[in-house]
Amino acid sequence: MGLQISALEEAILEALEENSKISVDVDNGDDNANKTKNARKTTAKKLATAIDTFVKTGLVTTTVATTGSASAQTGTGTGYIS
């Protein structure tokens, strides 16, 4: 199964859209600075979560081979990134 690009795209758009709706008081510069700082932090957190979720959609295949002992093993496996 490939990485879920469309889910990542949707999560990024959602994070950007949510923070683009923040209203600011044009008469209060401090309020604006706080709101934009908080919006950036919120967006960064949502993007980080979206990327983490995206990476974890990847399915990897592994090959294991050990040598040098009576219990040497070989094999393969698959699993999701955690």
C-alpha atoms as a PDB file:
ATOM      1  CA  MET A   1       0.000   0.000   0.000  1.00  0.00           C
ATOM      2  CA  GLY A   2       1.419   3.376  -0.966  1.00  0.00           C
ATOM      3  CA  LEU A   3       1.583   6.454   1.183  1.00  0.00           C
ATOM      4  CA  GLN A   4      -1.735   8.264   1.436  1.00  0.00           C
ATOM      5  CA  ILE A   5      -0.868  11.540  -0.294  1.00  0.00           C
ATOM      6  CA  SER A   6      -4.472  12.676  -0.643  1.00  0.00           C
ATOM      7  CA  ALA A   7      -5.015  12.352   3.129  1.00  0.00           C
ATOM      8  CA  LEU A   8      -1.886  14.454   3.777  1.00  0.00           C
ATOM      9  CA  GLU A   9      -3.027  17.074   1.282  1.00  0.00           C
ATOM     10  CA  GLU A  10      -6.460  17.257   2.912  1.00  0.00           C
ATOM     11  CA  ALA A  11      -4.959  17.616   6.392  1.00  0.00           C
ATOM     12  CA  ILE A  12      -2.649  20.427   5.222  1.00  0.00           C
ATOM     13  CA  LEU A  13      -5.504  22.278   3.545  1.00  0.00           C
ATOM     14  CA  GLU A  14      -7.638  21.874   6.663  1.00  0.00           C
ATOM     15  CA  ALA A  15      -4.877  23.291   8.892  1.00  0.00           C
ATOM     16  CA  LEU A  16      -4.320  26.262   6.594  1.00  0.00           C
ATOM     17  CA  GLU A  17      -8.020  26.963   6.142  1.00  0.00           C
ATOM     18  CA  GLU A  18      -8.755  26.886   9.860  1.00  0.00           C
ATOM     19  CA  ASN A  19      -6.106  29.466  10.654  1.00  0.00           C
ATOM     20  CA  SER A  20      -6.932  31.704   7.724  1.00  0.00           C
ATOM     21  CA  LYS A  21     -10.309  32.400   9.368  1.00  0.00           C
ATOM     22  CA  ILE A  22      -8.801  34.116  12.423  1.00  0.00           C
ATOM     23  CA  SER A  23     -10.071  37.658  12.822  1.00  0.00           C
ATOM     24  CA  VAL A  24      -7.853  40.396  14.180  1.00  0.00           C
ATOM     25  CA  ASP A  25      -8.539  43.770  15.756  1.00  0.00           C
ATOM     26  CA  VAL A  26      -6.865  46.308  13.490  1.00  0.00           C
ATOM     27  CA  ASP A  27      -6.695  48.795  16.374  1.00  0.00           C
ATOM     28  CA  ASN A  28      -4.775  46.450  18.674  1.00  0.00           C
ATOM     29  CA  GLY A  29      -1.285  45.545  17.445  1.00  0.00           C
ATOM     30  CA  ASP A  30      -0.495  43.379  20.481  1.00  0.00           C
ATOM     31  CA  ASP A  31      -3.669  41.368  19.979  1.00  0.00           C
ATOM     32  CA  ASN A  32      -2.783  40.863  16.321  1.00  0.00           C
ATOM     33  CA  ALA A  33       0.729  39.701  17.168  1.00  0.00           C
ATOM     34  CA  ASN A  34      -0.580  37.194  19.708  1.00  0.00           C
ATOM     35  CA  LYS A  35      -3.260  35.851  17.383  1.00  0.00           C
ATOM     36  CA  THR A  36      -0.868  35.436  14.458  1.00  0.00           C
ATOM     37  CA  LYS A  37       1.753  33.785  16.692  1.00  0.00           C
ATOM     38  CA  ASN A  38      -0.867  31.377  18.037  1.00  0.00           C
ATOM     39  CA  ALA A  39      -2.137  30.726  14.520  1.00  0.00           C
ATOM     40  CA  ARG A  40       1.379  29.850  13.343  1.00  0.00           C
ATOM     41  CA  LYS A  41       1.883  27.527  16.311  1.00  0.00           C
ATOM     42  CA  THR A  42      -1.462  25.833  15.733  1.00  0.00           C
ATOM     43  CA  THR A  43      -0.740  25.435  12.021  1.00  0.00           C
ATOM     44  CA  ALA A  44       2.721  24.022  12.702  1.00  0.00           C
ATOM     45  CA  LYS A  45       1.312  21.507  15.177  1.00  0.00           C
ATOM     46  CA  LYS A  46      -1.418  20.419  12.764  1.00  0.00           C
ATOM     47  CA  LEU A  47       1.097  20.088   9.914  1.00  0.00           C
ATOM     48  CA  ALA A  48       3.459  18.056  12.105  1.00  0.00           C
ATOM     49  CA  THR A  49       0.590  15.758  13.069  1.00  0.00           C
ATOM     50  CA  ALA A  50      -0.468  15.426   9.432  1.00  0.00           C
ATOM     51  CA  ILE A  51       3.074  14.532   8.361  1.00  0.00           C
ATOM     52  CA  ASP A  52       3.456  12.044  11.231  1.00  0.00           C
ATOM     53  CA  THR A  53       0.175  10.385  10.260  1.00  0.00           C
ATOM     54  CA  PHE A  54       1.224  10.384   6.591  1.00  0.00           C
ATOM     55  CA  VAL A  55       4.563   8.715   7.287  1.00  0.00           C
ATOM     56  CA  LYS A  56       2.846   6.053   9.364  1.00  0.00           C
ATOM     57  CA  THR A  57       0.696   5.081   6.367  1.00  0.00           C
ATOM     58  CA  GLY A  58       3.809   3.629   4.738  1.00  0.00           C
ATOM     59  CA  LEU A  59       4.081  -0.138   4.625  1.00  0.00           C
ATOM     60  CA  VAL A  60       7.644  -1.426   4.699  1.00  0.00           C
ATOM     61  CA  THR A  61       9.082  -4.822   3.856  1.00  0.00           C
ATOM     62  CA  THR A  62      12.054  -6.126   5.796  1.00  0.00           C
ATOM     63  CA  THR A  63      14.510  -8.930   5.224  1.00  0.00           C
ATOM     64  CA  VAL A  64      16.243 -10.550   8.175  1.00  0.00           C
ATOM     65  CA  ALA A  65      19.276 -12.799   7.934  1.00  0.00           C
ATOM     66  CA  THR A  66      21.488 -13.869  10.819  1.00  0.00           C
ATOM     67  CA  THR A  67      24.569 -16.074  10.557  1.00  0.00           C
ATOM     68  CA  GLY A  68      27.158 -17.669  12.750  1.00  0.00           C
ATOM     69  CA  SER A  69      25.086 -19.719  15.152  1.00  0.00           C
ATOM     70  CA  ALA A  70      23.075 -22.897  15.293  1.00  0.00           C
ATOM     71  CA  SER A  71      19.929 -20.817  15.557  1.00  0.00           C
ATOM     72  CA  ALA A  72      20.631 -18.595  12.548  1.00  0.00           C
ATOM     73  CA  GLN A  73      17.405 -17.398  11.007  1.00  0.00           C
ATOM     74  CA  THR A  74      16.297 -15.861   7.740  1.00  0.00           C
ATOM     75  CA  GLY A  75      12.972 -14.360   6.850  1.00  0.00           C
ATOM     76  CA  THR A  76      10.962 -11.439   5.669  1.00  0.00           C
ATOM     77  CA  GLY A  77       8.227  -9.332   7.124  1.00  0.00           C
ATOM     78  CA  THR A  78       6.012  -6.391   6.486  1.00  0.00           C
ATOM     79  CA  GLY A  79       4.659  -3.730   8.758  1.00  0.00           C
ATOM     80  CA  TYR A  80       3.588  -0.146   9.107  1.00  0.00           C
ATOM     81  CA  ILE A  81       5.980   2.538  10.251  1.00  0.00           C
ATOM     82  CA  SER A  82       5.414   3.428  13.877  1.00  0.00           C
END
